Protein backbone atom coordinates (compact mmCIF):
# COMPACT_ATOMS: atom_id res chain seq x y z
CA MET A 1 -14.09 22.10 -17.76
CA ASP A 2 -11.19 19.88 -16.33
CA LEU A 3 -11.49 17.59 -13.14
CA ARG A 4 -10.24 20.36 -10.76
CA ASP A 5 -13.79 22.79 -11.99
CA ALA A 6 -16.00 19.90 -11.81
CA LEU A 7 -15.07 18.77 -8.27
CA ARG A 8 -15.43 22.79 -7.06
CA ALA A 9 -18.61 23.14 -8.86
CA PHE A 10 -19.87 19.97 -6.81
CA ALA A 11 -18.83 20.58 -3.94
CA ALA A 12 -20.28 24.37 -4.10
CA ALA A 13 -23.97 23.06 -5.49
CA ARG A 14 -23.92 21.22 -2.32
CA ASP A 15 -22.60 23.77 0.27
CA TRP A 16 -20.04 21.29 1.01
CA ASP A 17 -16.76 23.78 0.02
CA SER A 18 -17.03 24.46 4.36
CA TYR A 19 -16.41 20.89 4.94
CA HIS A 20 -13.58 20.36 2.55
CA THR A 21 -10.77 21.49 4.87
CA PRO A 22 -7.34 20.46 3.91
CA LYS A 23 -8.10 18.07 7.22
CA ASN A 24 -11.03 16.67 6.27
CA LEU A 25 -9.81 16.01 2.73
CA VAL A 26 -6.55 14.06 3.97
CA MET A 27 -8.56 12.25 6.15
CA ALA A 28 -11.29 11.35 3.62
CA LEU A 29 -8.70 10.59 1.11
CA SER A 30 -6.71 8.43 3.25
CA ALA A 31 -10.00 6.31 3.82
CA GLU A 32 -10.67 5.76 0.47
CA VAL A 33 -7.09 4.60 -0.30
CA GLY A 34 -7.92 1.75 2.65
CA GLU A 35 -10.80 1.05 0.33
CA LEU A 36 -8.79 0.94 -2.47
CA THR A 37 -6.41 -1.49 -0.23
CA ASP A 38 -8.89 -3.65 0.62
CA LEU A 39 -9.94 -4.82 -3.04
CA PHE A 40 -6.38 -6.22 -3.24
CA GLN A 41 -5.57 -7.06 0.58
CA TRP A 42 -5.56 -11.22 0.38
CA LEU A 43 -4.69 -11.56 -3.60
CA THR A 44 -2.00 -13.00 -4.48
CA PRO A 45 0.46 -11.11 -6.69
CA GLU A 46 -1.11 -13.24 -9.92
CA GLU A 47 -4.66 -12.42 -8.74
CA ALA A 48 -3.80 -8.44 -8.14
CA LYS A 49 -2.10 -8.26 -11.35
CA ASP A 50 -5.16 -9.70 -13.31
CA ALA A 51 -7.80 -7.86 -10.99
CA MET A 52 -9.49 -5.57 -13.89
CA LYS A 53 -10.04 -9.24 -16.00
CA ASP A 54 -13.02 -10.01 -12.89
CA PRO A 55 -15.69 -7.70 -13.95
CA GLU A 56 -16.96 -6.60 -10.51
CA LEU A 57 -13.21 -6.36 -8.96
CA ALA A 58 -12.48 -3.99 -11.98
CA TRP A 59 -15.47 -1.73 -11.48
CA ASN A 60 -14.90 -1.72 -7.63
CA VAL A 61 -11.22 -0.91 -7.84
CA ARG A 62 -11.89 1.61 -10.64
CA ASP A 63 -14.74 3.15 -8.56
CA GLU A 64 -12.18 3.20 -5.90
CA LEU A 65 -9.29 5.02 -7.85
CA ALA A 66 -11.92 7.52 -8.58
CA ASP A 67 -12.56 8.45 -5.22
CA VAL A 68 -8.67 8.78 -4.57
CA MET A 69 -8.16 10.89 -7.72
CA HIS A 70 -11.56 13.31 -6.24
CA TYR A 71 -10.16 13.63 -3.09
CA LEU A 72 -6.21 13.97 -4.24
CA THR A 73 -7.14 16.73 -6.61
CA ARG A 74 -9.82 18.58 -4.25
CA LEU A 75 -6.82 18.31 -1.68
CA ALA A 76 -4.34 19.70 -3.89
CA ASP A 77 -6.80 22.27 -4.94
CA LYS A 78 -7.50 23.75 -1.63
CA LEU A 79 -3.57 23.93 -0.79
CA ASN A 80 -3.19 25.55 -4.11
CA VAL A 81 -0.81 22.31 -5.29
CA ASP A 82 -0.31 21.80 -8.89
CA LEU A 83 -0.61 17.81 -8.88
CA VAL A 84 1.28 17.54 -12.19
CA GLU A 85 4.02 19.90 -11.86
CA ALA A 86 4.32 18.39 -8.02
CA ALA A 87 4.49 15.02 -9.36
CA PHE A 88 7.06 15.89 -12.36
CA ALA A 89 9.22 17.46 -10.01
CA LYS A 90 9.29 14.71 -7.50
CA ILE A 91 10.25 12.41 -11.03
CA GLU A 92 13.06 15.02 -11.40
CA ARG A 93 14.06 14.48 -7.66
CA ASN A 94 13.99 10.73 -8.14
CA GLU A 95 16.14 10.67 -11.42
CA ARG A 96 18.62 12.24 -9.31
CA ARG A 97 18.28 10.03 -6.18
CA PHE A 98 17.89 6.91 -8.07
CA PRO A 99 20.47 6.95 -10.79
CA THR A 100 20.35 4.61 -13.64
CA GLY A 101 22.28 1.45 -12.80
CA SER A 102 22.92 2.29 -9.35
CA LEU A 103 20.68 0.14 -6.73
CA THR A 104 22.25 2.84 -3.99
CA PRO A 105 19.73 6.03 -3.75
CA VAL A 106 21.76 9.34 -3.56
CA ALA A 107 21.09 11.66 -0.63
CA VAL A 108 19.07 14.65 -1.72
CA GLU A 109 18.04 17.69 0.77
CA LYS A 110 14.65 17.90 1.89
CA GLY A 111 13.51 20.96 -0.21
CA GLU A 112 15.06 20.44 -3.31
CA LEU A 113 13.29 21.10 -6.42
């Protein structure tokens, strides 16, 4: 069973599927990203880099990352988006937009790839 299937089963067992609309999932995802952001908000760059060395902070970071991953995966499932395929397509587009050796982005039309 992969993560998508596990999350489907989890929601189905609790009769939550009707609440897992794209709108609701985006809102929940945004809230969880906010909770993750809160963990880093007042850290210096050095403290943020070393966040996983603090056991309590590391636990909280992992927990919030998991929440973000869960809602993102659930949202993609509801919208029939293959996240891995979309991520690789974005890398490919960014490789064209930001060629190596150049600091200036290249215009890429929306909808390409």
